[in-house]
Amino acid sequence: MVRVLVVDHDVDLADLKVDTLRRAGFEVDQCGGPTHARGACPVLNGMPCWQVEWADVLVYDVWAAGYSGEEMTKDLIEQYPGKAIVLTSPGMDVEWVQSGVGATVSGTQAPGSLVAAVEAAYAARTPPS
């Protein structure tokens, strides 16, 4: 079973994403992201994160780290090369997301779009060696 980590600063949107993905047959865990962390977010500090390591696909709200979303995404790609990443940006045009950061982008909250993006990202990932 494909394991998905949903990271979103909006708890209600995160719950919807988790429910959608579980209904589609994925095993899902959830994190509020760096802006809701009780302690320092390990990813933003260049440290490993057990939740990220557990997941096959990461679904990150581009605003999960506030305005440092681009930096966080680059850190994830650097720390976890080949890890499938889906970025969500509901209704907001984020210029750096469009510039191709090595992640699948889902700009809508439509359940079918999110599931399709996760499936595409998982299929396109570089398997660990």
C-alpha atoms as a PDB file:
ATOM      1  CA  MET A   1       0.000   0.000   0.000  1.00  0.00           C
ATOM      2  CA  VAL A   2       1.288   3.460  -0.917  1.00  0.00           C
ATOM      3  CA  ARG A   3       1.979   5.612   2.156  1.00  0.00           C
ATOM      4  CA  VAL A   4       1.182   9.327   1.929  1.00  0.00           C
ATOM      5  CA  LEU A   5       2.093  12.125   4.326  1.00  0.00           C
ATOM      6  CA  VAL A   6      -0.206  15.163   4.161  1.00  0.00           C
ATOM      7  CA  VAL A   7       1.359  18.390   5.441  1.00  0.00           C
ATOM      8  CA  ASP A   8      -0.962  21.376   5.519  1.00  0.00           C
ATOM      9  CA  HIS A   9      -1.154  24.491   7.690  1.00  0.00           C
ATOM     10  CA  ASP A  10      -4.974  24.437   7.443  1.00  0.00           C
ATOM     11  CA  VAL A  11      -6.267  21.599   9.630  1.00  0.00           C
ATOM     12  CA  ASP A  12      -9.665  21.475   7.906  1.00  0.00           C
ATOM     13  CA  LEU A  13      -8.120  21.199   4.427  1.00  0.00           C
ATOM     14  CA  ALA A  14      -5.664  18.620   5.725  1.00  0.00           C
ATOM     15  CA  ASP A  15      -8.532  16.528   7.100  1.00  0.00           C
ATOM     16  CA  LEU A  16     -10.286  16.648   3.708  1.00  0.00           C
ATOM     17  CA  LYS A  17      -7.105  15.586   1.911  1.00  0.00           C
ATOM     18  CA  VAL A  18      -6.508  12.744   4.367  1.00  0.00           C
ATOM     19  CA  ASP A  19     -10.087  11.508   4.010  1.00  0.00           C
ATOM     20  CA  THR A  20      -9.954  11.720   0.198  1.00  0.00           C
ATOM     21  CA  LEU A  21      -6.702   9.792   0.006  1.00  0.00           C
ATOM     22  CA  ARG A  22      -7.805   7.129   2.495  1.00  0.00           C
ATOM     23  CA  ARG A  23     -10.998   6.574   0.506  1.00  0.00           C
ATOM     24  CA  ALA A  24      -8.821   6.113  -2.591  1.00  0.00           C
ATOM     25  CA  GLY A  25      -6.937   3.309  -0.816  1.00  0.00           C
ATOM     26  CA  PHE A  26      -3.788   5.055   0.402  1.00  0.00           C
ATOM     27  CA  GLU A  27      -2.301   4.698   3.891  1.00  0.00           C
ATOM     28  CA  VAL A  28      -2.166   8.292   5.171  1.00  0.00           C
ATOM     29  CA  ASP A  29      -0.535  10.192   8.025  1.00  0.00           C
ATOM     30  CA  GLN A  30      -0.848  13.909   8.712  1.00  0.00           C
ATOM     31  CA  CYS A  31       1.343  16.757   9.979  1.00  0.00           C
ATOM     32  CA  GLY A  32       0.472  20.401  10.552  1.00  0.00           C
ATOM     33  CA  GLY A  33       3.781  21.483   9.087  1.00  0.00           C
ATOM     34  CA  PRO A  34       6.439  23.853  10.340  1.00  0.00           C
ATOM     35  CA  THR A  35       4.004  26.628  11.229  1.00  0.00           C
ATOM     36  CA  HIS A  36       2.153  24.286  13.618  1.00  0.00           C
ATOM     37  CA  ALA A  37       5.084  22.286  14.949  1.00  0.00           C
ATOM     38  CA  ARG A  38       5.373  22.063  18.713  1.00  0.00           C
ATOM     39  CA  GLY A  39       9.123  22.078  18.266  1.00  0.00           C
ATOM     40  CA  ALA A  40      11.447  22.990  15.463  1.00  0.00           C
ATOM     41  CA  CYS A  41      10.591  21.328  12.161  1.00  0.00           C
ATOM     42  CA  PRO A  42      13.453  18.945  11.401  1.00  0.00           C
ATOM     43  CA  VAL A  43      13.138  19.397   7.627  1.00  0.00           C
ATOM     44  CA  LEU A  44      13.707  23.140   7.846  1.00  0.00           C
ATOM     45  CA  ASN A  45      16.762  22.486  10.004  1.00  0.00           C
ATOM     46  CA  GLY A  46      18.291  19.981   7.564  1.00  0.00           C
ATOM     47  CA  MET A  47      17.489  17.072   9.871  1.00  0.00           C
ATOM     48  CA  PRO A  48      15.703  13.821   9.067  1.00  0.00           C
ATOM     49  CA  CYS A  49      11.986  13.515   9.782  1.00  0.00           C
ATOM     50  CA  TRP A  50      10.541  10.113  10.606  1.00  0.00           C
ATOM     51  CA  GLN A  51       7.202  10.977   9.009  1.00  0.00           C
ATOM     52  CA  VAL A  52       8.846  12.017   5.737  1.00  0.00           C
ATOM     53  CA  GLU A  53      11.030   8.907   5.791  1.00  0.00           C
ATOM     54  CA  TRP A  54       7.939   6.707   6.355  1.00  0.00           C
ATOM     55  CA  ALA A  55       5.998   8.114   3.395  1.00  0.00           C
ATOM     56  CA  ASP A  56       6.229   7.141  -0.256  1.00  0.00           C
ATOM     57  CA  VAL A  57       4.519  10.373  -1.351  1.00  0.00           C
ATOM     58  CA  LEU A  58       4.581  13.771   0.358  1.00  0.00           C
ATOM     59  CA  VAL A  59       1.561  16.048  -0.143  1.00  0.00           C
ATOM     60  CA  TYR A  60       2.634  19.513   0.967  1.00  0.00           C
ATOM     61  CA  ASP A  61       0.588  22.679   1.029  1.00  0.00           C
ATOM     62  CA  VAL A  62       2.972  25.261  -0.463  1.00  0.00           C
ATOM     63  CA  TRP A  63       2.154  27.525   2.484  1.00  0.00           C
ATOM     64  CA  ALA A  64       2.935  24.860   5.132  1.00  0.00           C
ATOM     65  CA  ALA A  65       6.150  26.714   5.943  1.00  0.00           C
ATOM     66  CA  GLY A  66       4.728  30.190   5.471  1.00  0.00           C
ATOM     67  CA  TYR A  67       6.674  32.256   2.969  1.00  0.00           C
ATOM     68  CA  SER A  68       9.607  29.826   3.053  1.00  0.00           C
ATOM     69  CA  GLY A  69       7.649  27.187   1.112  1.00  0.00           C
ATOM     70  CA  GLU A  70      10.031  27.280  -1.841  1.00  0.00           C
ATOM     71  CA  GLU A  71      13.022  26.797   0.467  1.00  0.00           C
ATOM     72  CA  MET A  72      11.297  23.939   2.293  1.00  0.00           C
ATOM     73  CA  THR A  73      10.483  22.210  -1.006  1.00  0.00           C
ATOM     74  CA  LYS A  74      14.071  22.505  -2.201  1.00  0.00           C
ATOM     75  CA  ASP A  75      15.262  21.144   1.172  1.00  0.00           C
ATOM     76  CA  LEU A  76      12.903  18.168   0.863  1.00  0.00           C
ATOM     77  CA  ILE A  77      14.146  17.401  -2.647  1.00  0.00           C
ATOM     78  CA  GLU A  78      17.766  17.714  -1.514  1.00  0.00           C
ATOM     79  CA  GLN A  79      17.329  15.636   1.667  1.00  0.00           C
ATOM     80  CA  TYR A  80      15.075  13.012   0.083  1.00  0.00           C
ATOM     81  CA  PRO A  81      16.079  12.693  -3.574  1.00  0.00           C
ATOM     82  CA  GLY A  82      13.635  10.579  -5.515  1.00  0.00           C
ATOM     83  CA  LYS A  83      10.862  11.033  -2.941  1.00  0.00           C
ATOM     84  CA  ALA A  84       7.540  11.739  -4.657  1.00  0.00           C
ATOM     85  CA  ILE A  85       6.262  15.214  -3.767  1.00  0.00           C
ATOM     86  CA  VAL A  86       2.877  16.754  -4.565  1.00  0.00           C
ATOM     87  CA  LEU A  87       2.482  20.475  -3.913  1.00  0.00           C
ATOM     88  CA  THR A  88      -0.990  21.885  -3.391  1.00  0.00           C
ATOM     89  CA  SER A  89      -1.782  25.541  -3.798  1.00  0.00           C
ATOM     90  CA  PRO A  90      -5.541  26.017  -3.694  1.00  0.00           C
ATOM     91  CA  GLY A  91      -6.615  28.958  -5.788  1.00  0.00           C
ATOM     92  CA  MET A  92      -3.309  30.782  -5.482  1.00  0.00           C
ATOM     93  CA  ASP A  93      -0.827  31.335  -8.266  1.00  0.00           C
ATOM     94  CA  VAL A  94       2.571  30.768  -6.738  1.00  0.00           C
ATOM     95  CA  GLU A  95       5.239  31.743  -9.253  1.00  0.00           C
ATOM     96  CA  TRP A  96       7.967  29.415  -7.951  1.00  0.00           C
ATOM     97  CA  VAL A  97       5.622  26.408  -8.104  1.00  0.00           C
ATOM     98  CA  GLN A  98       5.083  27.070 -11.778  1.00  0.00           C
ATOM     99  CA  SER A  99       8.844  27.316 -12.405  1.00  0.00           C
ATOM    100  CA  GLY A 100       9.353  23.578 -11.976  1.00  0.00           C
ATOM    101  CA  VAL A 101      10.875  22.613  -8.644  1.00  0.00           C
ATOM    102  CA  GLY A 102      10.880  18.856  -9.271  1.00  0.00           C
ATOM    103  CA  ALA A 103       7.477  18.148  -7.781  1.00  0.00           C
ATOM    104  CA  THR A 104       3.995  17.367  -9.053  1.00  0.00           C
ATOM    105  CA  VAL A 105       1.649  20.330  -8.652  1.00  0.00           C
ATOM    106  CA  SER A 106      -2.047  20.060  -7.823  1.00  0.00           C
ATOM    107  CA  GLY A 107      -3.579  23.526  -7.850  1.00  0.00           C
ATOM    108  CA  THR A 108      -7.059  22.363  -6.972  1.00  0.00           C
ATOM    109  CA  GLN A 109      -8.726  20.770  -3.973  1.00  0.00           C
ATOM    110  CA  ALA A 110     -10.914  18.548  -6.185  1.00  0.00           C
ATOM    111  CA  PRO A 111     -10.631  14.998  -4.786  1.00  0.00           C
ATOM    112  CA  GLY A 112     -10.044  13.407  -8.197  1.00  0.00           C
ATOM    113  CA  SER A 113      -7.240  15.859  -8.971  1.00  0.00           C
ATOM    114  CA  LEU A 114      -5.452  15.182  -5.698  1.00  0.00           C
ATOM    115  CA  VAL A 115      -5.681  11.409  -6.126  1.00  0.00           C
ATOM    116  CA  ALA A 116      -4.462  11.689  -9.730  1.00  0.00           C
ATOM    117  CA  ALA A 117      -1.548  13.906  -8.652  1.00  0.00           C
ATOM    118  CA  VAL A 118      -0.502  11.445  -5.927  1.00  0.00           C
ATOM    119  CA  GLU A 119      -0.704   8.525  -8.359  1.00  0.00           C
ATOM    120  CA  ALA A 120       1.317  10.425 -10.984  1.00  0.00           C
ATOM    121  CA  ALA A 121       3.967  11.499  -8.479  1.00  0.00           C
ATOM    122  CA  TYR A 122       4.304   7.952  -7.135  1.00  0.00           C
ATOM    123  CA  ALA A 123       4.606   6.516 -10.633  1.00  0.00           C
ATOM    124  CA  ALA A 124       7.250   9.102 -11.612  1.00  0.00           C
ATOM    125  CA  ARG A 125       9.382   8.838  -8.461  1.00  0.00           C
ATOM    126  CA  THR A 126      12.923   7.563  -8.481  1.00  0.00           C
ATOM    127  CA  PRO A 127      12.913   4.360  -6.401  1.00  0.00           C
ATOM    128  CA  PRO A 128      15.464   4.285  -3.560  1.00  0.00           C
ATOM    129  CA  SER A 129      18.635   2.391  -4.352  1.00  0.00           C
END
